[in-house]
Amino acid sequence: MDTALAILNGFLPLGYLAALLAYLGVFAERPALERVATPMTWGVVLIHAGYLMLETLAYRHVPVANTWESLSFIAFSIALVYLVLEWRQEERSTGVFVLAVALLLQTLSTAFVTHTQEVPEILRSPMFAVHVTTALLGYVALTVSAIYGVMYLLQYRQLKQQHVGVLFQRLPNLETLSRLNIGALGLGWIALTVAILGGMVWATTLQLAGELEGSFVTDPKFLLTVGLWVLYGLCLGGRYLLRWANRTLATVSIVGFALMLASSLMVTLVLPSFHDFA
């Protein structure tokens, strides 16, 4: 199994590079590459899913126990979220930008990843698997939403300045970018909802069993995550109930991403949290 994992680990950056080049062809309007971009990327994502499952079986825990393992799962999530959005919106011209991020993260993971079976027993819990994978998937989708938010504002600015460059011609129109932005935001909010609920059930179970000290409701990570969940929930409410302008939604998705990044760094570097399982 170690040999198979090593082969797949080495293949993944090459697979994402090939997918990125295919989507570069889509962006440049090359018909030959347009036909293969989506099937090729689905193939890479399915192989990546197989790699993650093999890791789980080989090391008996979801492969997010350290930074480099997590980067591979995040790369997988980015590509999967993009493909779901592409399927829903039937828009492929933005794939080159999103897959560039997936390629970078997977390359870093492949270069530096280490595995071990010696992890805290709590990381082998099925509830941990549900909680952490949905949380990461949610954060990834919200990050993709911010990427589309940036694209929207760039397009909006070019349109206001009446400057029609190559970027303006190649990127989708404002309405499509807004749908991609809110679609990714919705996926992220749903995944974050599952992660929060799953984490609350898991933490309560651990507390009742005497395996967790303190209360999760005062944990900084939990409170900051709920705050982000409320912010993005308000954004969805503003979209569907209050008919907020698309530019407002794009701006909120970028602000939300900045807050998400700042809060994650704050918890990691400053605030104590039971989310540190080391």
C-alpha atoms as a PDB file:
ATOM      1  CA  MET A   1       0.000   0.000   0.000  1.00  0.00           C
ATOM      2  CA  ASP A   2       2.890   2.371   0.710  1.00  0.00           C
ATOM      3  CA  THR A   3       4.081   1.963  -2.889  1.00  0.00           C
ATOM      4  CA  ALA A   4       0.637   2.755  -4.265  1.00  0.00           C
ATOM      5  CA  LEU A   5       0.386   5.825  -2.035  1.00  0.00           C
ATOM      6  CA  ALA A   6       3.812   7.043  -3.150  1.00  0.00           C
ATOM      7  CA  ILE A   7       2.882   6.631  -6.823  1.00  0.00           C
ATOM      8  CA  LEU A   8      -0.441   8.443  -6.381  1.00  0.00           C
ATOM      9  CA  ASN A   9       1.206  11.181  -4.327  1.00  0.00           C
ATOM     10  CA  GLY A  10       3.669  11.811  -7.131  1.00  0.00           C
ATOM     11  CA  PHE A  11       0.967  11.680  -9.794  1.00  0.00           C
ATOM     12  CA  LEU A  12      -1.411  14.228  -8.262  1.00  0.00           C
ATOM     13  CA  PRO A  13       0.618  17.403  -8.962  1.00  0.00           C
ATOM     14  CA  LEU A  14       1.113  16.228 -12.537  1.00  0.00           C
ATOM     15  CA  GLY A  15      -2.600  15.507 -12.848  1.00  0.00           C
ATOM     16  CA  TYR A  16      -3.590  18.934 -11.568  1.00  0.00           C
ATOM     17  CA  LEU A  17      -0.984  20.544 -13.832  1.00  0.00           C
ATOM     18  CA  ALA A  18      -2.511  18.785 -16.842  1.00  0.00           C
ATOM     19  CA  ALA A  19      -5.996  19.910 -15.745  1.00  0.00           C
ATOM     20  CA  LEU A  20      -4.748  23.471 -15.272  1.00  0.00           C
ATOM     21  CA  LEU A  21      -3.256  23.525 -18.771  1.00  0.00           C
ATOM     22  CA  ALA A  22      -6.516  22.184 -20.190  1.00  0.00           C
ATOM     23  CA  TYR A  23      -8.479  24.959 -18.486  1.00  0.00           C
ATOM     24  CA  LEU A  24      -5.908  27.454 -19.724  1.00  0.00           C
ATOM     25  CA  GLY A  25      -6.966  26.247 -23.155  1.00  0.00           C
ATOM     26  CA  VAL A  26     -10.601  26.867 -22.199  1.00  0.00           C
ATOM     27  CA  PHE A  27      -9.695  30.403 -21.111  1.00  0.00           C
ATOM     28  CA  ALA A  28      -7.833  30.944 -24.392  1.00  0.00           C
ATOM     29  CA  GLU A  29     -10.765  29.477 -26.345  1.00  0.00           C
ATOM     30  CA  ARG A  30      -8.935  26.438 -27.758  1.00  0.00           C
ATOM     31  CA  PRO A  31     -11.679  23.967 -28.818  1.00  0.00           C
ATOM     32  CA  ALA A  32      -9.474  20.864 -28.591  1.00  0.00           C
ATOM     33  CA  LEU A  33      -8.687  21.498 -24.928  1.00  0.00           C
ATOM     34  CA  GLU A  34     -12.206  22.662 -24.093  1.00  0.00           C
ATOM     35  CA  ARG A  35     -13.491  19.166 -24.831  1.00  0.00           C
ATOM     36  CA  VAL A  36     -11.132  17.398 -22.427  1.00  0.00           C
ATOM     37  CA  ALA A  37     -10.792  19.867 -19.532  1.00  0.00           C
ATOM     38  CA  THR A  38     -13.786  18.781 -17.473  1.00  0.00           C
ATOM     39  CA  PRO A  39     -13.441  14.976 -17.944  1.00  0.00           C
ATOM     40  CA  MET A  40      -9.725  15.196 -17.218  1.00  0.00           C
ATOM     41  CA  THR A  41     -10.283  17.135 -14.012  1.00  0.00           C
ATOM     42  CA  TRP A  42     -12.998  14.736 -12.838  1.00  0.00           C
ATOM     43  CA  GLY A  43     -10.534  11.899 -13.450  1.00  0.00           C
ATOM     44  CA  VAL A  44      -7.864  13.591 -11.342  1.00  0.00           C
ATOM     45  CA  VAL A  45     -10.362  14.331  -8.549  1.00  0.00           C
ATOM     46  CA  LEU A  46     -11.548  10.703  -8.483  1.00  0.00           C
ATOM     47  CA  ILE A  47      -7.949   9.473  -8.315  1.00  0.00           C
ATOM     48  CA  HIS A  48      -7.329  11.994  -5.535  1.00  0.00           C
ATOM     49  CA  ALA A  49     -10.364  10.655  -3.659  1.00  0.00           C
ATOM     50  CA  GLY A  50      -8.921   7.156  -3.982  1.00  0.00           C
ATOM     51  CA  TYR A  51      -5.597   8.399  -2.630  1.00  0.00           C
ATOM     52  CA  LEU A  52      -7.277   9.962   0.411  1.00  0.00           C
ATOM     53  CA  MET A  53      -9.251   6.771   1.091  1.00  0.00           C
ATOM     54  CA  LEU A  54      -6.084   4.658   0.848  1.00  0.00           C
ATOM     55  CA  GLU A  55      -4.373   7.022   3.292  1.00  0.00           C
ATOM     56  CA  THR A  56      -7.274   6.633   5.694  1.00  0.00           C
ATOM     57  CA  LEU A  57      -7.089   2.837   5.514  1.00  0.00           C
ATOM     58  CA  ALA A  58      -3.305   2.713   5.761  1.00  0.00           C
ATOM     59  CA  TYR A  59      -2.892   5.073   8.715  1.00  0.00           C
ATOM     60  CA  ARG A  60      -6.284   4.545  10.397  1.00  0.00           C
ATOM     61  CA  HIS A  61      -7.267   8.195  10.535  1.00  0.00           C
ATOM     62  CA  VAL A  62      -8.598  10.824   8.153  1.00  0.00           C
ATOM     63  CA  PRO A  63      -5.519  12.353   6.440  1.00  0.00           C
ATOM     64  CA  VAL A  64      -5.725  15.776   8.091  1.00  0.00           C
ATOM     65  CA  ALA A  65      -3.530  15.049  11.116  1.00  0.00           C
ATOM     66  CA  ASN A  66      -0.827  17.519  10.091  1.00  0.00           C
ATOM     67  CA  THR A  67      -0.444  20.557   7.848  1.00  0.00           C
ATOM     68  CA  TRP A  68       0.854  18.730   4.784  1.00  0.00           C
ATOM     69  CA  GLU A  69      -1.851  16.067   4.885  1.00  0.00           C
ATOM     70  CA  SER A  70      -4.463  18.804   5.264  1.00  0.00           C
ATOM     71  CA  LEU A  71      -3.137  20.680   2.223  1.00  0.00           C
ATOM     72  CA  SER A  72      -3.852  17.651   0.043  1.00  0.00           C
ATOM     73  CA  PHE A  73      -7.405  17.389   1.342  1.00  0.00           C
ATOM     74  CA  ILE A  74      -7.889  21.138   0.777  1.00  0.00           C
ATOM     75  CA  ALA A  75      -6.586  20.841  -2.804  1.00  0.00           C
ATOM     76  CA  PHE A  76      -9.046  18.001  -3.391  1.00  0.00           C
ATOM     77  CA  SER A  77     -11.885  20.068  -1.898  1.00  0.00           C
ATOM     78  CA  ILE A  78     -11.053  23.101  -4.062  1.00  0.00           C
ATOM     79  CA  ALA A  79     -11.191  21.032  -7.246  1.00  0.00           C
ATOM     80  CA  LEU A  80     -14.398  19.282  -6.157  1.00  0.00           C
ATOM     81  CA  VAL A  81     -16.151  22.534  -5.221  1.00  0.00           C
ATOM     82  CA  TYR A  82     -15.139  24.039  -8.560  1.00  0.00           C
ATOM     83  CA  LEU A  83     -16.473  21.060 -10.528  1.00  0.00           C
ATOM     84  CA  VAL A  84     -19.796  21.182  -8.666  1.00  0.00           C
ATOM     85  CA  LEU A  85     -20.119  24.902  -9.452  1.00  0.00           C
ATOM     86  CA  GLU A  86     -19.162  24.315 -13.078  1.00  0.00           C
ATOM     87  CA  TRP A  87     -21.839  21.629 -13.342  1.00  0.00           C
ATOM     88  CA  ARG A  88     -24.468  23.846 -11.720  1.00  0.00           C
ATOM     89  CA  GLN A  89     -23.654  27.048 -13.628  1.00  0.00           C
ATOM     90  CA  GLU A  90     -22.319  25.552 -16.884  1.00  0.00           C
ATOM     91  CA  GLU A  91     -19.388  27.969 -16.852  1.00  0.00           C
ATOM     92  CA  ARG A  92     -15.789  26.800 -17.361  1.00  0.00           C
ATOM     93  CA  SER A  93     -13.730  29.901 -18.093  1.00  0.00           C
ATOM     94  CA  THR A  94     -12.763  30.438 -14.452  1.00  0.00           C
ATOM     95  CA  GLY A  95     -11.334  26.953 -13.924  1.00  0.00           C
ATOM     96  CA  VAL A  96      -7.757  28.026 -14.630  1.00  0.00           C
ATOM     97  CA  PHE A  97      -7.748  30.401 -11.646  1.00  0.00           C
ATOM     98  CA  VAL A  98      -9.262  27.984  -9.135  1.00  0.00           C
ATOM     99  CA  LEU A  99      -7.204  24.970 -10.215  1.00  0.00           C
ATOM    100  CA  ALA A 100      -4.009  27.017  -9.965  1.00  0.00           C
ATOM    101  CA  VAL A 101      -4.621  27.169  -6.202  1.00  0.00           C
ATOM    102  CA  ALA A 102      -5.317  23.418  -6.051  1.00  0.00           C
ATOM    103  CA  LEU A 103      -2.098  22.706  -7.959  1.00  0.00           C
ATOM    104  CA  LEU A 104      -0.021  24.881  -5.619  1.00  0.00           C
ATOM    105  CA  LEU A 105      -1.389  23.255  -2.459  1.00  0.00           C
ATOM    106  CA  GLN A 106      -1.083  19.702  -3.780  1.00  0.00           C
ATOM    107  CA  THR A 107       2.498  20.351  -4.924  1.00  0.00           C
ATOM    108  CA  LEU A 108       3.408  21.552  -1.426  1.00  0.00           C
ATOM    109  CA  SER A 109       1.710  18.514   0.119  1.00  0.00           C
ATOM    110  CA  THR A 110       3.454  16.086  -2.234  1.00  0.00           C
ATOM    111  CA  ALA A 111       6.834  17.659  -1.515  1.00  0.00           C
ATOM    112  CA  PHE A 112       6.622  17.722   2.272  1.00  0.00           C
ATOM    113  CA  VAL A 113       3.933  15.276   3.411  1.00  0.00           C
ATOM    114  CA  THR A 114       4.708  12.837   6.211  1.00  0.00           C
ATOM    115  CA  HIS A 115       2.463  10.120   7.616  1.00  0.00           C
ATOM    116  CA  THR A 116       2.259   8.408  10.952  1.00  0.00           C
ATOM    117  CA  GLN A 117      -0.065   6.002  12.724  1.00  0.00           C
ATOM    118  CA  GLU A 118       0.941   7.559  16.037  1.00  0.00           C
ATOM    119  CA  VAL A 119      -1.841  10.093  16.479  1.00  0.00           C
ATOM    120  CA  PRO A 120      -4.109  10.868  19.459  1.00  0.00           C
ATOM    121  CA  GLU A 121      -6.910   8.312  19.627  1.00  0.00           C
ATOM    122  CA  ILE A 122      -9.482  11.099  19.377  1.00  0.00           C
ATOM    123  CA  LEU A 123      -8.388  11.668  15.755  1.00  0.00           C
ATOM    124  CA  ARG A 124      -9.588   8.170  14.858  1.00  0.00           C
ATOM    125  CA  SER A 125     -13.172   8.938  15.852  1.00  0.00           C
ATOM    126  CA  PRO A 126     -15.782   8.830  13.041  1.00  0.00           C
ATOM    127  CA  MET A 127     -17.216  12.032  14.510  1.00  0.00           C
ATOM    128  CA  PHE A 128     -13.831  13.692  14.077  1.00  0.00           C
ATOM    129  CA  ALA A 129     -13.856  12.624  10.428  1.00  0.00           C
ATOM    130  CA  VAL A 130     -17.301  14.156   9.853  1.00  0.00           C
ATOM    131  CA  HIS A 131     -16.523  17.324  11.794  1.00  0.00           C
ATOM    132  CA  VAL A 132     -13.137  18.148  10.317  1.00  0.00           C
ATOM    133  CA  THR A 133     -13.869  17.202   6.695  1.00  0.00           C
ATOM    134  CA  THR A 134     -17.079  19.233   6.555  1.00  0.00           C
ATOM    135  CA  ALA A 135     -15.359  22.164   8.281  1.00  0.00           C
ATOM    136  CA  LEU A 136     -12.491  22.134   5.785  1.00  0.00           C
ATOM    137  CA  LEU A 137     -14.895  21.716   2.884  1.00  0.00           C
ATOM    138  CA  GLY A 138     -16.885  24.681   4.168  1.00  0.00           C
ATOM    139  CA  TYR A 139     -13.812  26.886   4.536  1.00  0.00           C
ATOM    140  CA  VAL A 140     -12.670  25.892   1.042  1.00  0.00           C
ATOM    141  CA  ALA A 141     -16.040  26.735  -0.528  1.00  0.00           C
ATOM    142  CA  LEU A 142     -16.071  30.108   1.230  1.00  0.00           C
ATOM    143  CA  THR A 143     -12.550  30.759  -0.064  1.00  0.00           C
ATOM    144  CA  VAL A 144     -13.686  29.938  -3.602  1.00  0.00           C
ATOM    145  CA  SER A 145     -16.603  32.321  -3.054  1.00  0.00           C
ATOM    146  CA  ALA A 146     -14.109  35.070  -2.201  1.00  0.00           C
ATOM    147  CA  ILE A 147     -12.148  34.308  -5.391  1.00  0.00           C
ATOM    148  CA  TYR A 148     -15.310  34.812  -7.421  1.00  0.00           C
ATOM    149  CA  GLY A 149     -16.030  37.937  -5.408  1.00  0.00           C
ATOM    150  CA  VAL A 150     -12.675  39.372  -6.470  1.00  0.00           C
ATOM    151  CA  MET A 151     -13.378  38.437 -10.101  1.00  0.00           C
ATOM    152  CA  TYR A 152     -16.765  40.143  -9.885  1.00  0.00           C
ATOM    153  CA  LEU A 153     -15.326  43.381  -8.539  1.00  0.00           C
ATOM    154  CA  LEU A 154     -12.561  43.355 -11.179  1.00  0.00           C
ATOM    155  CA  GLN A 155     -15.141  42.934 -13.927  1.00  0.00           C
ATOM    156  CA  TYR A 156     -17.342  45.604 -12.378  1.00  0.00           C
ATOM    157  CA  ARG A 157     -14.438  48.048 -12.204  1.00  0.00           C
ATOM    158  CA  GLN A 158     -13.466  47.441 -15.838  1.00  0.00           C
ATOM    159  CA  LEU A 159     -17.060  47.925 -16.907  1.00  0.00           C
ATOM    160  CA  LYS A 160     -17.359  51.196 -14.965  1.00  0.00           C
ATOM    161  CA  GLN A 161     -14.119  52.460 -16.493  1.00  0.00           C
ATOM    162  CA  GLN A 162     -15.220  51.243 -19.938  1.00  0.00           C
ATOM    163  CA  HIS A 163     -11.952  49.364 -20.233  1.00  0.00           C
ATOM    164  CA  VAL A 164     -12.584  46.134 -22.114  1.00  0.00           C
ATOM    165  CA  GLY A 165      -9.370  44.123 -21.910  1.00  0.00           C
ATOM    166  CA  VAL A 166      -8.539  40.458 -22.377  1.00  0.00           C
ATOM    167  CA  LEU A 167      -9.604  39.650 -18.813  1.00  0.00           C
ATOM    168  CA  PHE A 168     -12.995  41.272 -19.378  1.00  0.00           C
ATOM    169  CA  GLN A 169     -13.494  39.365 -22.626  1.00  0.00           C
ATOM    170  CA  ARG A 170     -12.511  35.978 -21.216  1.00  0.00           C
ATOM    171  CA  LEU A 171     -14.202  36.048 -17.804  1.00  0.00           C
ATOM    172  CA  PRO A 172     -17.966  35.400 -17.475  1.00  0.00           C
ATOM    173  CA  ASN A 173     -20.364  38.320 -17.286  1.00  0.00           C
ATOM    174  CA  LEU A 174     -21.239  39.931 -13.965  1.00  0.00           C
ATOM    175  CA  GLU A 175     -24.448  37.958 -13.490  1.00  0.00           C
ATOM    176  CA  THR A 176     -22.676  34.613 -13.965  1.00  0.00           C
ATOM    177  CA  LEU A 177     -19.841  35.599 -11.624  1.00  0.00           C
ATOM    178  CA  SER A 178     -22.408  36.596  -9.013  1.00  0.00           C
ATOM    179  CA  ARG A 179     -24.141  33.200  -9.329  1.00  0.00           C
ATOM    180  CA  LEU A 180     -20.792  31.444  -8.905  1.00  0.00           C
ATOM    181  CA  ASN A 181     -20.001  33.660  -5.916  1.00  0.00           C
ATOM    182  CA  ILE A 182     -23.284  32.976  -4.133  1.00  0.00           C
ATOM    183  CA  GLY A 183     -23.280  29.301  -5.162  1.00  0.00           C
ATOM    184  CA  ALA A 184     -19.893  28.727  -3.517  1.00  0.00           C
ATOM    185  CA  LEU A 185     -21.002  30.743  -0.499  1.00  0.00           C
ATOM    186  CA  GLY A 186     -24.113  28.588  -0.147  1.00  0.00           C
ATOM    187  CA  LEU A 187     -22.098  25.361  -0.345  1.00  0.00           C
ATOM    188  CA  GLY A 188     -19.697  26.696   2.270  1.00  0.00           C
ATOM    189  CA  TRP A 189     -22.477  27.754   4.625  1.00  0.00           C
ATOM    190  CA  ILE A 190     -24.196  24.361   4.405  1.00  0.00           C
ATOM    191  CA  ALA A 191     -20.924  22.505   5.049  1.00  0.00           C
ATOM    192  CA  LEU A 192     -20.120  24.824   7.961  1.00  0.00           C
ATOM    193  CA  THR A 193     -23.586  24.169   9.400  1.00  0.00           C
ATOM    194  CA  VAL A 194     -22.962  20.402   9.332  1.00  0.00           C
ATOM    195  CA  ALA A 195     -19.509  20.911  10.878  1.00  0.00           C
ATOM    196  CA  ILE A 196     -20.872  23.059  13.723  1.00  0.00           C
ATOM    197  CA  LEU A 197     -23.758  20.713  14.516  1.00  0.00           C
ATOM    198  CA  GLY A 198     -21.537  17.641  14.287  1.00  0.00           C
ATOM    199  CA  GLY A 199     -18.924  19.286  16.488  1.00  0.00           C
ATOM    200  CA  MET A 200     -21.527  20.231  19.103  1.00  0.00           C
ATOM    201  CA  VAL A 201     -22.865  16.658  19.257  1.00  0.00           C
ATOM    202  CA  TRP A 202     -19.348  15.221  19.431  1.00  0.00           C
ATOM    203  CA  ALA A 203     -18.167  17.676  22.109  1.00  0.00           C
ATOM    204  CA  THR A 204     -21.275  17.001  24.217  1.00  0.00           C
ATOM    205  CA  THR A 205     -20.665  13.251  23.962  1.00  0.00           C
ATOM    206  CA  LEU A 206     -17.040  13.703  25.050  1.00  0.00           C
ATOM    207  CA  GLN A 207     -18.061  15.946  27.951  1.00  0.00           C
ATOM    208  CA  LEU A 208     -20.611  13.418  29.223  1.00  0.00           C
ATOM    209  CA  ALA A 209     -17.947  10.708  29.011  1.00  0.00           C
ATOM    210  CA  GLY A 210     -15.510  12.883  30.975  1.00  0.00           C
ATOM    211  CA  GLU A 211     -13.063  13.022  28.049  1.00  0.00           C
ATOM    212  CA  LEU A 212     -13.264  16.769  27.472  1.00  0.00           C
ATOM    213  CA  GLU A 213     -12.596  19.483  30.004  1.00  0.00           C
ATOM    214  CA  GLY A 214     -14.481  22.765  29.927  1.00  0.00           C
ATOM    215  CA  SER A 215     -17.388  23.708  27.690  1.00  0.00           C
ATOM    216  CA  PHE A 216     -17.305  24.023  23.925  1.00  0.00           C
ATOM    217  CA  VAL A 217     -19.618  27.065  24.076  1.00  0.00           C
ATOM    218  CA  THR A 218     -16.759  29.153  25.499  1.00  0.00           C
ATOM    219  CA  ASP A 219     -14.113  27.807  23.110  1.00  0.00           C
ATOM    220  CA  PRO A 220     -12.650  30.644  20.942  1.00  0.00           C
ATOM    221  CA  LYS A 221     -12.594  28.503  17.800  1.00  0.00           C
ATOM    222  CA  PHE A 222     -16.249  27.569  18.232  1.00  0.00           C
ATOM    223  CA  LEU A 223     -17.333  31.148  18.915  1.00  0.00           C
ATOM    224  CA  LEU A 224     -15.422  32.579  15.950  1.00  0.00           C
ATOM    225  CA  THR A 225     -16.758  29.860  13.642  1.00  0.00           C
ATOM    226  CA  VAL A 226     -20.339  30.538  14.758  1.00  0.00           C
ATOM    227  CA  GLY A 227     -19.705  34.252  14.156  1.00  0.00           C
ATOM    228  CA  LEU A 228     -18.601  33.516  10.595  1.00  0.00           C
ATOM    229  CA  TRP A 229     -21.593  31.220  10.126  1.00  0.00           C
ATOM    230  CA  VAL A 230     -23.915  34.052  11.189  1.00  0.00           C
ATOM    231  CA  LEU A 231     -22.163  36.531   8.864  1.00  0.00           C
ATOM    232  CA  TYR A 232     -22.477  34.262   5.841  1.00  0.00           C
ATOM    233  CA  GLY A 233     -26.036  33.372   6.823  1.00  0.00           C
ATOM    234  CA  LEU A 234     -26.898  37.074   6.804  1.00  0.00           C
ATOM    235  CA  CYS A 235     -25.302  37.321   3.380  1.00  0.00           C
ATOM    236  CA  LEU A 236     -27.522  34.509   2.070  1.00  0.00           C
ATOM    237  CA  GLY A 237     -30.527  36.140   3.702  1.00  0.00           C
ATOM    238  CA  GLY A 238     -29.596  39.436   2.092  1.00  0.00           C
ATOM    239  CA  ARG A 239     -29.417  37.723  -1.283  1.00  0.00           C
ATOM    240  CA  TYR A 240     -32.685  35.821  -1.207  1.00  0.00           C
ATOM    241  CA  LEU A 241     -34.843  37.895   1.147  1.00  0.00           C
ATOM    242  CA  LEU A 242     -33.597  41.478   0.909  1.00  0.00           C
ATOM    243  CA  ARG A 243     -32.341  41.362  -2.693  1.00  0.00           C
ATOM    244  CA  TRP A 244     -28.937  42.817  -1.897  1.00  0.00           C
ATOM    245  CA  ALA A 245     -26.942  44.065  -4.858  1.00  0.00           C
ATOM    246  CA  ASN A 246     -24.521  41.574  -6.373  1.00  0.00           C
ATOM    247  CA  ARG A 247     -21.621  43.937  -5.679  1.00  0.00           C
ATOM    248  CA  THR A 248     -22.540  43.951  -1.984  1.00  0.00           C
ATOM    249  CA  LEU A 249     -22.552  40.146  -1.911  1.00  0.00           C
ATOM    250  CA  ALA A 250     -19.149  40.018  -3.596  1.00  0.00           C
ATOM    251  CA  THR A 251     -17.744  42.494  -1.081  1.00  0.00           C
ATOM    252  CA  VAL A 252     -19.173  40.608   1.917  1.00  0.00           C
ATOM    253  CA  SER A 253     -17.702  37.315   0.669  1.00  0.00           C
ATOM    254  CA  ILE A 254     -14.241  38.926   0.509  1.00  0.00           C
ATOM    255  CA  VAL A 255     -14.609  40.547   3.937  1.00  0.00           C
ATOM    256  CA  GLY A 256     -15.818  37.224   5.336  1.00  0.00           C
ATOM    257  CA  PHE A 257     -12.771  35.443   3.940  1.00  0.00           C
ATOM    258  CA  ALA A 258     -10.441  38.029   5.494  1.00  0.00           C
ATOM    259  CA  LEU A 259     -12.176  37.569   8.864  1.00  0.00           C
ATOM    260  CA  MET A 260     -12.009  33.778   8.492  1.00  0.00           C
ATOM    261  CA  LEU A 261      -8.268  33.924   7.830  1.00  0.00           C
ATOM    262  CA  ALA A 262      -7.628  36.377  10.687  1.00  0.00           C
ATOM    263  CA  SER A 263      -9.688  34.354  13.186  1.00  0.00           C
ATOM    264  CA  SER A 264      -7.943  31.109  12.216  1.00  0.00           C
ATOM    265  CA  LEU A 265      -4.531  32.700  12.749  1.00  0.00           C
ATOM    266  CA  MET A 266      -5.667  34.216  16.045  1.00  0.00           C
ATOM    267  CA  VAL A 267      -6.848  30.849  17.400  1.00  0.00           C
ATOM    268  CA  THR A 268      -3.751  29.053  16.150  1.00  0.00           C
ATOM    269  CA  LEU A 269      -1.200  31.549  17.462  1.00  0.00           C
ATOM    270  CA  VAL A 270      -2.826  33.334  20.418  1.00  0.00           C
ATOM    271  CA  LEU A 271      -6.031  31.932  21.891  1.00  0.00           C
ATOM    272  CA  PRO A 272      -6.144  28.587  23.721  1.00  0.00           C
ATOM    273  CA  SER A 273      -8.594  26.076  22.277  1.00  0.00           C
ATOM    274  CA  PHE A 274      -9.432  22.414  22.737  1.00  0.00           C
ATOM    275  CA  HIS A 275      -9.170  22.168  18.947  1.00  0.00           C
ATOM    276  CA  ASP A 276      -5.416  21.707  19.506  1.00  0.00           C
ATOM    277  CA  PHE A 277      -5.248  17.916  19.728  1.00  0.00           C
ATOM    278  CA  ALA A 278      -1.459  17.694  19.941  1.00  0.00           C
END
